[in-house]
Amino acid sequence: MRRIFLILLIFLLSSGVCLAENSGPIYLIPLQGTINAEQFAFIDKSLHEAELANAELAIFQIDTLGGLVNSALKIKDRMMNTDLETATFVKGRAWSAGALLALAGQELYMAPSSSIGAAETRPNEEKYISALRKEFRATAEARGKNGELAAAMVDKDIAVEGISASGKLLTLTATEALNQGIADDLIKDYQQLLIAKNLRDKEVVEIERSTLEEFARFISSPVISGLLLLLGFIGLTMELVMPGFGVGGILAVLSFSLFFGGSMFTGAASWSLILLFVLGILLLGLEVLVIPGFGIAGISGLLAIFFSLFFFFPTSEIAFTVLATVAVLTVISAFLLIKKFGSSPFWQKISLGNSAEGYQSHSNQEKLLGKTGEVVTPLRPSGIAIIEEKRIDVVSEGNFLNRGTKVKVVNVSGSRIVVRALEKGAD
């Protein structure tokens, strides 16, 4: 009798454990917009929450035109390595990298008006096509689906009879995906999926991005992060050109804080890159303030800044594009600021000073106002003039002046000395 009681007790306890294992809620996780590092951080966090809650099912609701391959691969691995039961529901489009994620679920459902495929690689080169083709094929086969069809979404040389000719990437409508065994069923919304799986009475936890996550997603995009970098460097230039710690310094601090903060929040970068950037700034400061000339410290600082920023971006193509654009616009902005406001004592300290040949910088040149001299290099409109037996950088009022033209200083603004012709000689 005691043995029967123990057997019944063990049976009840094991049944309770099984029930407890399947008693978790349903998690609905959105996978929408551009696939990038921020998207991976969001999916990883959401899946971790679902795992802690012992969710009975995790549904990934997909509507994306694609994004970065590296981020998509990380999301796919995370989805396939979880112990939870998973399903993907293509609500709108699962194109490019989004198609890979749609295939990663244990079951794939599609809305009647949805589509999947068109996974063209960027750059469109054979080594990338080959790697991603294998990834699509392996993912589909791991989920019991047609690997050849999945591969045709990446490689346009794979023809699918009756659906896609050679030379065209495969894209399937929801009906075609169902008929070809890529989709498991067509459903109008995720509630229909719950009804089909007899889970309609289960609690559904709909994951949403927080305001902070949405903000980090916004500022970590290549366009906005590039703009923040530009504003940061313009702020530094303003602080060099305009005296005092004011608008320029505050702008630089805020812009760089947002740039690095957004990347850190999304997991796109580590503290080591921030430290490398700070080291680069310190080396440049050392070159400017302590060490004369421009040597090892200055070059090392520039390299440290470049590499720290380069690896903040997800691909080398994006990094080169953004950094080159920021560099050009920063130089243009610096030129305009110096032309408009002149220079501060700090900027004058790092500019050319007096040389052995009698060349003079623009320090304390207010005394030159009203003085006359002679142009020694053509002013187009900037150049050099001899004023009071000293070589001075000057700029004309806008017209070109030939060598030998007699001029008069009509305006001095910081380092900007404006001259006007006293006789014929203007082009």
Protein backbone atom coordinates (compact mmCIF):
# COMPACT_ATOMS: atom_id res chain seq x y z
CA MET A 1 0.00 0.00 0.00
CA ARG A 2 2.85 2.36 0.88
CA ARG A 3 4.50 1.60 -2.48
CA ILE A 4 1.31 2.48 -4.38
CA PHE A 5 1.05 5.73 -2.43
CA LEU A 6 4.66 6.67 -3.30
CA ILE A 7 4.06 5.90 -6.98
CA LEU A 8 0.94 8.09 -7.01
CA LEU A 9 2.80 10.89 -5.22
CA ILE A 10 5.68 10.78 -7.72
CA PHE A 11 3.18 10.77 -10.60
CA LEU A 12 1.35 13.81 -9.23
CA LEU A 13 4.57 15.72 -8.58
CA SER A 14 5.92 15.00 -12.06
CA SER A 15 2.60 16.02 -13.59
CA GLY A 16 2.72 19.25 -11.64
CA VAL A 17 6.22 19.96 -12.91
CA CYS A 18 5.12 19.36 -16.50
CA LEU A 19 2.13 21.61 -16.02
CA ALA A 20 4.33 24.26 -14.48
CA GLU A 21 6.73 24.01 -17.42
CA ASN A 22 3.91 24.79 -19.83
CA SER A 23 2.01 27.28 -17.74
CA GLY A 24 3.89 30.40 -18.86
CA PRO A 25 2.33 33.19 -20.94
CA ILE A 26 2.59 33.78 -24.67
CA TYR A 27 5.17 36.39 -25.65
CA LEU A 28 4.56 38.54 -28.72
CA ILE A 29 7.84 40.13 -29.83
CA PRO A 30 7.88 42.72 -32.66
CA LEU A 31 10.65 42.47 -35.22
CA GLN A 32 10.08 45.56 -37.29
CA GLY A 33 12.15 48.22 -39.03
CA THR A 34 15.81 48.08 -39.93
CA ILE A 35 17.72 45.06 -38.66
CA ASN A 36 20.79 46.37 -36.85
CA ALA A 37 22.68 46.14 -33.56
CA GLU A 38 19.86 47.88 -31.70
CA GLN A 39 17.39 45.33 -33.05
CA PHE A 40 19.56 42.46 -31.78
CA ALA A 41 19.83 44.04 -28.33
CA PHE A 42 16.04 44.40 -28.21
CA ILE A 43 15.36 40.81 -29.35
CA ASP A 44 17.95 39.39 -26.96
CA LYS A 45 16.43 41.28 -24.04
CA SER A 46 12.88 40.26 -25.00
CA LEU A 47 13.78 36.59 -25.36
CA HIS A 48 15.61 36.65 -22.04
CA GLU A 49 12.48 38.03 -20.38
CA ALA A 50 10.35 35.33 -22.05
CA GLU A 51 12.76 32.62 -20.90
CA LEU A 52 12.65 33.86 -17.32
CA ALA A 53 8.85 33.82 -17.49
CA ASN A 54 8.97 30.26 -18.86
CA ALA A 55 6.84 31.32 -21.82
CA GLU A 56 4.87 28.60 -23.56
CA LEU A 57 5.36 30.23 -26.95
CA ALA A 58 7.36 33.18 -28.33
CA ILE A 59 5.83 34.72 -31.46
CA PHE A 60 8.01 37.04 -33.55
CA GLN A 61 5.82 39.43 -35.52
CA ILE A 62 7.88 40.43 -38.57
CA ASP A 63 7.62 43.42 -40.88
CA THR A 64 11.01 44.51 -42.21
CA LEU A 65 12.74 45.36 -45.47
CA GLY A 66 16.01 43.95 -44.10
CA GLY A 67 19.17 45.46 -42.73
CA LEU A 68 22.64 44.41 -41.65
CA VAL A 69 23.66 40.79 -42.23
CA ASN A 70 25.83 40.56 -39.10
CA SER A 71 22.97 41.67 -36.87
CA ALA A 72 20.53 39.33 -38.64
CA LEU A 73 22.85 36.37 -38.08
CA LYS A 74 23.13 37.17 -34.38
CA ILE A 75 19.34 37.43 -34.06
CA LYS A 76 18.85 34.17 -35.99
CA ASP A 77 21.29 32.31 -33.74
CA ARG A 78 19.56 33.70 -30.66
CA MET A 79 16.16 32.59 -31.94
CA MET A 80 17.31 29.09 -32.85
CA ASN A 81 19.26 28.50 -29.64
CA THR A 82 16.44 29.29 -27.22
CA ASP A 83 14.69 26.40 -25.48
CA LEU A 84 11.31 28.07 -25.95
CA GLU A 85 8.87 27.07 -28.65
CA THR A 86 9.01 29.75 -31.34
CA ALA A 87 6.86 30.87 -34.24
CA THR A 88 7.37 33.64 -36.76
CA PHE A 89 4.45 35.60 -38.17
CA VAL A 90 5.13 37.70 -41.27
CA LYS A 91 2.60 40.48 -40.88
CA GLY A 92 3.86 42.62 -43.78
CA ARG A 93 7.18 41.96 -45.46
CA ALA A 94 10.09 39.69 -44.64
CA TRP A 95 12.60 40.83 -47.23
CA SER A 96 16.35 40.46 -47.38
CA ALA A 97 17.72 39.68 -43.90
CA GLY A 98 14.13 39.62 -42.63
CA ALA A 99 13.50 36.48 -44.71
CA LEU A 100 16.27 34.68 -42.82
CA LEU A 101 14.68 35.57 -39.49
CA ALA A 102 11.25 34.43 -40.70
CA LEU A 103 12.77 31.03 -41.54
CA ALA A 104 14.38 30.79 -38.08
CA GLY A 105 11.13 30.11 -36.23
CA GLN A 106 10.02 26.53 -35.58
CA GLU A 107 6.83 27.41 -37.44
CA LEU A 108 6.28 30.15 -40.03
CA TYR A 109 2.93 31.87 -40.50
CA MET A 110 2.09 34.62 -42.96
CA ALA A 111 -0.68 37.15 -43.40
CA PRO A 112 -2.52 36.78 -46.75
CA SER A 113 -1.06 40.03 -48.14
CA SER A 114 2.51 39.46 -46.94
CA SER A 115 5.63 38.39 -48.85
CA ILE A 116 9.05 36.87 -48.19
CA GLY A 117 12.40 36.78 -50.02
CA ALA A 118 14.50 39.24 -52.08
CA ALA A 119 17.65 38.73 -50.01
CA GLU A 120 20.20 40.53 -52.18
CA THR A 121 23.63 40.90 -50.58
CA ARG A 122 25.48 44.20 -50.20
CA PRO A 123 28.03 44.18 -51.76
CA ASN A 124 26.66 41.84 -54.41
CA GLU A 125 29.78 39.69 -54.73
CA GLU A 126 30.11 35.93 -55.01
CA LYS A 127 31.79 35.37 -51.63
CA TYR A 128 28.94 37.15 -49.84
CA ILE A 129 26.28 35.47 -51.98
CA SER A 130 27.80 32.05 -51.32
CA ALA A 131 27.98 32.54 -47.56
CA LEU A 132 24.44 33.90 -47.22
CA ARG A 133 23.02 31.28 -49.59
CA LYS A 134 24.38 28.53 -47.36
CA GLU A 135 23.01 30.31 -44.29
CA PHE A 136 19.51 30.49 -45.78
CA ARG A 137 19.64 26.86 -46.92
CA ALA A 138 20.88 25.57 -43.57
CA THR A 139 18.29 27.56 -41.60
CA ALA A 140 15.40 26.36 -43.78
CA GLU A 141 16.52 22.73 -43.63
CA ALA A 142 16.96 22.92 -39.86
CA ARG A 143 13.26 23.88 -39.68
CA GLY A 144 12.17 21.15 -42.12
CA LYS A 145 11.63 23.48 -45.09
CA ASN A 146 12.83 23.51 -48.69
CA GLY A 147 16.46 24.64 -48.60
CA GLU A 148 16.64 25.16 -52.37
CA LEU A 149 13.80 27.68 -52.26
CA ALA A 150 15.48 29.50 -49.39
CA ALA A 151 18.77 29.61 -51.31
CA ALA A 152 16.98 31.04 -54.36
CA MET A 153 16.01 34.05 -52.24
CA VAL A 154 19.72 34.94 -52.11
CA ASP A 155 21.14 33.60 -55.39
CA LYS A 156 19.46 34.80 -58.59
CA ASP A 157 21.18 32.03 -60.58
CA ILE A 158 18.91 29.46 -58.91
CA ALA A 159 15.72 29.03 -60.94
CA VAL A 160 12.47 27.79 -59.40
CA GLU A 161 10.25 26.25 -62.03
CA GLY A 162 6.91 28.00 -62.35
CA ILE A 163 7.82 30.70 -59.83
CA SER A 164 11.16 32.38 -60.52
CA ALA A 165 13.37 32.32 -63.60
CA SER A 166 17.17 32.32 -63.53
CA GLY A 167 18.52 35.84 -63.09
CA LYS A 168 15.75 36.83 -60.66
CA LEU A 169 15.85 36.69 -56.87
CA LEU A 170 13.04 34.60 -55.43
CA THR A 171 10.26 36.46 -53.64
CA LEU A 172 7.15 34.57 -52.61
CA THR A 173 3.67 35.80 -51.87
CA ALA A 174 1.98 34.30 -48.83
CA THR A 175 -0.03 31.89 -51.00
CA GLU A 176 3.07 30.82 -52.93
CA ALA A 177 5.00 30.33 -49.70
CA LEU A 178 2.19 28.13 -48.37
CA ASN A 179 1.97 26.07 -51.57
CA GLN A 180 5.74 25.57 -51.64
CA GLY A 181 5.91 24.49 -48.00
CA ILE A 182 7.81 27.56 -46.78
CA ALA A 183 4.86 28.85 -44.72
CA ASP A 184 2.98 26.52 -42.38
CA ASP A 185 -0.32 28.39 -42.63
CA LEU A 186 -1.94 31.70 -43.54
CA ILE A 187 -3.44 33.70 -40.69
CA LYS A 188 -4.95 37.15 -40.40
CA ASP A 189 -3.36 38.01 -37.05
CA TYR A 190 -1.58 36.35 -34.15
CA GLN A 191 -4.89 35.73 -32.34
CA GLN A 192 -5.78 33.31 -35.13
CA LEU A 193 -2.53 31.49 -34.46
CA LEU A 194 -3.40 31.15 -30.79
CA ILE A 195 -6.82 29.72 -31.71
CA ALA A 196 -5.22 27.21 -34.09
CA LYS A 197 -2.82 26.08 -31.37
CA ASN A 198 -5.54 25.98 -28.71
CA LEU A 199 -3.89 28.79 -26.73
CA ARG A 200 -6.62 31.42 -26.96
CA ASP A 201 -7.10 31.52 -23.18
CA LYS A 202 -3.43 32.08 -22.46
CA GLU A 203 -2.08 35.39 -21.20
CA VAL A 204 -0.34 37.33 -23.98
CA VAL A 205 2.58 39.61 -23.12
CA GLU A 206 3.11 42.11 -25.94
CA ILE A 207 6.66 43.43 -25.79
CA GLU A 208 7.06 47.13 -26.61
CA ARG A 209 10.10 49.33 -26.86
CA SER A 210 10.61 51.81 -24.06
CA THR A 211 11.04 55.50 -24.80
CA LEU A 212 14.75 55.16 -24.08
CA GLU A 213 15.06 52.22 -26.49
CA GLU A 214 13.24 54.15 -29.22
CA PHE A 215 15.54 57.14 -28.65
CA ALA A 216 18.65 54.95 -28.74
CA ARG A 217 17.37 53.35 -31.93
CA PHE A 218 16.94 56.79 -33.49
CA ILE A 219 20.33 58.27 -32.59
CA SER A 220 22.26 55.08 -33.47
CA SER A 221 21.19 55.17 -37.12
CA PRO A 222 24.11 56.00 -39.49
CA VAL A 223 22.59 59.33 -40.57
CA ILE A 224 21.87 60.65 -37.06
CA SER A 225 25.10 59.31 -35.56
CA GLY A 226 27.03 60.95 -38.40
CA LEU A 227 25.24 64.24 -37.71
CA LEU A 228 26.12 63.98 -34.02
CA LEU A 229 29.78 63.45 -34.90
CA LEU A 230 29.71 66.48 -37.18
CA LEU A 231 28.15 68.66 -34.48
CA GLY A 232 30.73 67.41 -31.98
CA PHE A 233 33.69 68.34 -34.15
CA ILE A 234 32.11 71.68 -35.09
CA GLY A 235 31.69 72.34 -31.37
CA LEU A 236 35.38 71.62 -30.78
CA THR A 237 36.30 73.97 -33.63
CA MET A 238 34.07 76.70 -32.19
CA GLU A 239 35.77 76.34 -28.84
CA LEU A 240 39.18 76.77 -30.50
CA VAL A 241 38.12 79.76 -32.57
CA MET A 242 35.86 81.55 -30.06
CA PRO A 243 37.28 82.33 -26.60
CA GLY A 244 35.88 80.80 -23.42
CA PHE A 245 34.07 77.56 -22.67
CA GLY A 246 30.67 78.34 -24.10
CA VAL A 247 28.36 77.16 -26.82
CA GLY A 248 31.06 75.23 -28.70
CA GLY A 249 32.20 73.21 -25.69
CA ILE A 250 28.66 72.41 -24.58
CA LEU A 251 27.70 71.38 -28.13
CA ALA A 252 30.73 69.09 -28.38
CA VAL A 253 30.09 67.42 -25.02
CA LEU A 254 26.39 66.84 -25.72
CA SER A 255 26.94 65.58 -29.26
CA PHE A 256 29.72 63.13 -28.38
CA SER A 257 27.79 61.94 -25.30
CA LEU A 258 24.73 61.14 -27.42
CA PHE A 259 26.84 59.46 -30.10
CA PHE A 260 28.73 57.20 -27.71
CA GLY A 261 25.76 56.72 -25.38
CA GLY A 262 23.46 55.50 -28.17
CA SER A 263 26.07 53.05 -29.43
CA MET A 264 26.77 51.74 -25.94
CA PHE A 265 23.08 51.32 -25.13
CA THR A 266 22.45 49.28 -28.26
CA GLY A 267 25.50 47.13 -27.68
CA ALA A 268 27.16 48.30 -30.91
CA ALA A 269 30.37 49.38 -29.19
CA SER A 270 32.45 48.81 -26.09
CA TRP A 271 34.18 51.00 -23.55
CA SER A 272 37.53 50.26 -25.21
CA LEU A 273 36.51 52.30 -28.27
CA ILE A 274 35.46 55.24 -26.11
CA LEU A 275 38.77 55.10 -24.24
CA LEU A 276 40.62 54.99 -27.57
CA PHE A 277 38.72 58.10 -28.72
CA VAL A 278 39.54 59.96 -25.49
CA LEU A 279 43.19 58.91 -25.84
CA GLY A 280 43.21 60.36 -29.35
CA ILE A 281 41.84 63.70 -28.11
CA LEU A 282 44.43 63.79 -25.32
CA LEU A 283 47.28 63.07 -27.74
CA LEU A 284 46.12 65.88 -30.03
CA GLY A 285 45.89 68.21 -27.03
CA LEU A 286 49.41 67.21 -26.00
CA GLU A 287 50.66 67.97 -29.50
CA VAL A 288 48.97 71.37 -29.56
CA LEU A 289 49.66 72.57 -26.04
CA VAL A 290 52.95 70.96 -25.03
CA ILE A 291 54.94 69.60 -27.96
CA PRO A 292 55.87 72.04 -30.74
CA GLY A 293 55.18 71.16 -34.36
CA PHE A 294 53.10 68.25 -35.54
CA GLY A 295 54.72 64.88 -34.92
CA ILE A 296 54.19 61.47 -33.39
CA ALA A 297 51.66 62.57 -30.77
CA GLY A 298 49.50 64.40 -33.32
CA ILE A 299 49.55 61.59 -35.88
CA SER A 300 48.90 58.97 -33.18
CA GLY A 301 45.98 61.04 -31.89
CA LEU A 302 44.40 61.30 -35.34
CA LEU A 303 44.81 57.55 -35.92
CA ALA A 304 43.31 56.74 -32.51
CA ILE A 305 40.29 58.97 -33.19
CA PHE A 306 39.81 57.50 -36.67
CA PHE A 307 39.95 53.85 -35.60
CA SER A 308 37.80 54.41 -32.51
CA LEU A 309 35.06 55.97 -34.66
CA PHE A 310 35.52 53.53 -37.56
CA PHE A 311 34.63 50.51 -35.44
CA PHE A 312 31.54 52.17 -34.00
CA PHE A 313 29.81 51.64 -37.34
CA PRO A 314 28.44 48.23 -38.40
CA THR A 315 30.22 47.99 -41.78
CA SER A 316 33.39 49.44 -43.28
CA GLU A 317 31.36 50.92 -46.14
CA ILE A 318 29.14 52.90 -43.77
CA ALA A 319 32.15 53.90 -41.64
CA PHE A 320 34.14 55.29 -44.58
CA THR A 321 31.13 57.13 -45.98
CA VAL A 322 30.14 58.75 -42.69
CA LEU A 323 33.67 59.63 -41.54
CA ALA A 324 34.70 61.07 -44.92
CA THR A 325 31.56 63.21 -45.02
CA VAL A 326 32.08 64.39 -41.44
CA ALA A 327 35.75 65.23 -42.11
CA VAL A 328 34.98 67.33 -45.20
CA LEU A 329 32.09 69.19 -43.57
CA THR A 330 34.15 69.83 -40.42
CA VAL A 331 36.96 71.41 -42.45
CA ILE A 332 34.46 73.59 -44.33
CA SER A 333 32.81 74.61 -41.06
CA ALA A 334 36.17 75.44 -39.49
CA PHE A 335 37.10 77.64 -42.46
CA LEU A 336 33.81 79.52 -42.28
CA LEU A 337 34.06 79.99 -38.50
CA ILE A 338 37.61 81.36 -38.71
CA LYS A 339 36.64 83.64 -41.57
CA LYS A 340 33.62 84.93 -39.67
CA PHE A 341 34.88 85.22 -36.10
CA GLY A 342 38.63 85.34 -36.42
CA SER A 343 40.55 83.37 -33.82
CA SER A 344 40.93 83.08 -30.07
CA PRO A 345 44.26 83.29 -28.21
CA PHE A 346 44.25 79.50 -28.06
CA TRP A 347 43.85 79.20 -31.83
CA GLN A 348 46.58 81.78 -32.33
CA LYS A 349 48.84 79.69 -30.16
CA ILE A 350 48.58 76.71 -32.49
CA SER A 351 48.81 78.75 -35.70
CA LEU A 352 52.05 79.94 -37.30
CA GLY A 353 54.03 82.43 -35.25
CA ASN A 354 56.95 84.72 -36.21
CA SER A 355 59.61 83.08 -38.35
CA ALA A 356 63.22 83.91 -39.10
CA GLU A 357 62.24 85.33 -42.49
CA GLY A 358 60.04 88.00 -40.98
CA TYR A 359 56.71 86.23 -41.66
CA GLN A 360 54.16 87.35 -39.04
CA SER A 361 50.97 85.70 -37.80
CA HIS A 362 47.79 87.62 -36.95
CA SER A 363 48.38 88.16 -33.24
CA ASN A 364 47.46 91.66 -32.05
CA GLN A 365 47.05 93.12 -35.53
CA GLU A 366 44.52 95.82 -34.64
CA LYS A 367 47.32 98.38 -34.95
CA LEU A 368 47.47 97.65 -38.69
CA LEU A 369 44.04 99.19 -39.29
CA GLY A 370 44.45 102.05 -41.79
CA LYS A 371 48.03 101.07 -42.69
CA THR A 372 49.09 100.68 -46.32
CA GLY A 373 51.26 98.11 -48.02
CA GLU A 374 51.90 96.13 -51.16
CA VAL A 375 50.62 92.75 -52.38
CA VAL A 376 53.47 90.23 -52.82
CA THR A 377 51.35 87.21 -53.87
CA PRO A 378 48.15 87.47 -55.93
CA LEU A 379 45.10 87.82 -53.69
CA ARG A 380 42.46 85.34 -54.93
CA PRO A 381 41.05 86.69 -52.63
CA SER A 382 43.57 85.68 -49.92
CA GLY A 383 47.34 85.93 -50.04
CA ILE A 384 50.29 87.82 -48.55
CA ALA A 385 51.07 91.52 -48.42
CA ILE A 386 54.02 93.51 -47.04
CA ILE A 387 52.72 95.95 -44.42
CA GLU A 388 55.21 97.90 -42.27
CA GLU A 389 57.99 95.70 -43.67
CA LYS A 390 56.32 92.50 -42.44
CA ARG A 391 54.69 89.67 -44.39
CA ILE A 392 51.04 89.48 -43.40
CA ASP A 393 48.26 87.05 -44.38
CA VAL A 394 45.47 89.19 -45.79
CA VAL A 395 42.24 88.88 -47.74
CA SER A 396 40.76 91.29 -50.27
CA GLU A 397 37.18 92.53 -50.08
CA GLY A 398 36.23 89.91 -52.66
CA ASN A 399 37.98 90.93 -55.87
CA PHE A 400 41.28 89.50 -57.12
CA LEU A 401 44.37 91.73 -56.74
CA ASN A 402 47.60 91.31 -58.66
CA ARG A 403 51.09 91.26 -57.21
CA GLY A 404 52.43 94.79 -56.69
CA THR A 405 49.01 96.34 -56.01
CA LYS A 406 49.09 99.01 -53.31
CA VAL A 407 46.54 98.23 -50.59
CA LYS A 408 45.14 99.66 -47.38
CA VAL A 409 43.94 97.71 -44.31
CA VAL A 410 40.23 98.48 -43.93
CA ASN A 411 39.14 95.88 -41.38
CA VAL A 412 40.75 93.68 -38.71
CA SER A 413 38.70 90.94 -37.06
CA GLY A 414 40.81 88.57 -35.01
CA SER A 415 43.05 86.81 -37.53
CA ARG A 416 41.17 88.17 -40.53
CA ILE A 417 42.80 91.24 -42.08
CA VAL A 418 40.88 92.81 -44.97
CA VAL A 419 42.57 95.07 -47.50
CA ARG A 420 41.35 97.34 -50.30
CA ALA A 421 43.23 98.37 -53.47
CA LEU A 422 44.52 101.96 -53.56
CA GLU A 423 45.24 101.99 -57.27
CA LYS A 424 44.49 100.03 -60.41
CA GLY A 425 45.44 96.41 -60.17
CA ALA A 426 42.19 94.62 -59.52
CA ASP A 427 41.25 91.89 -62.05
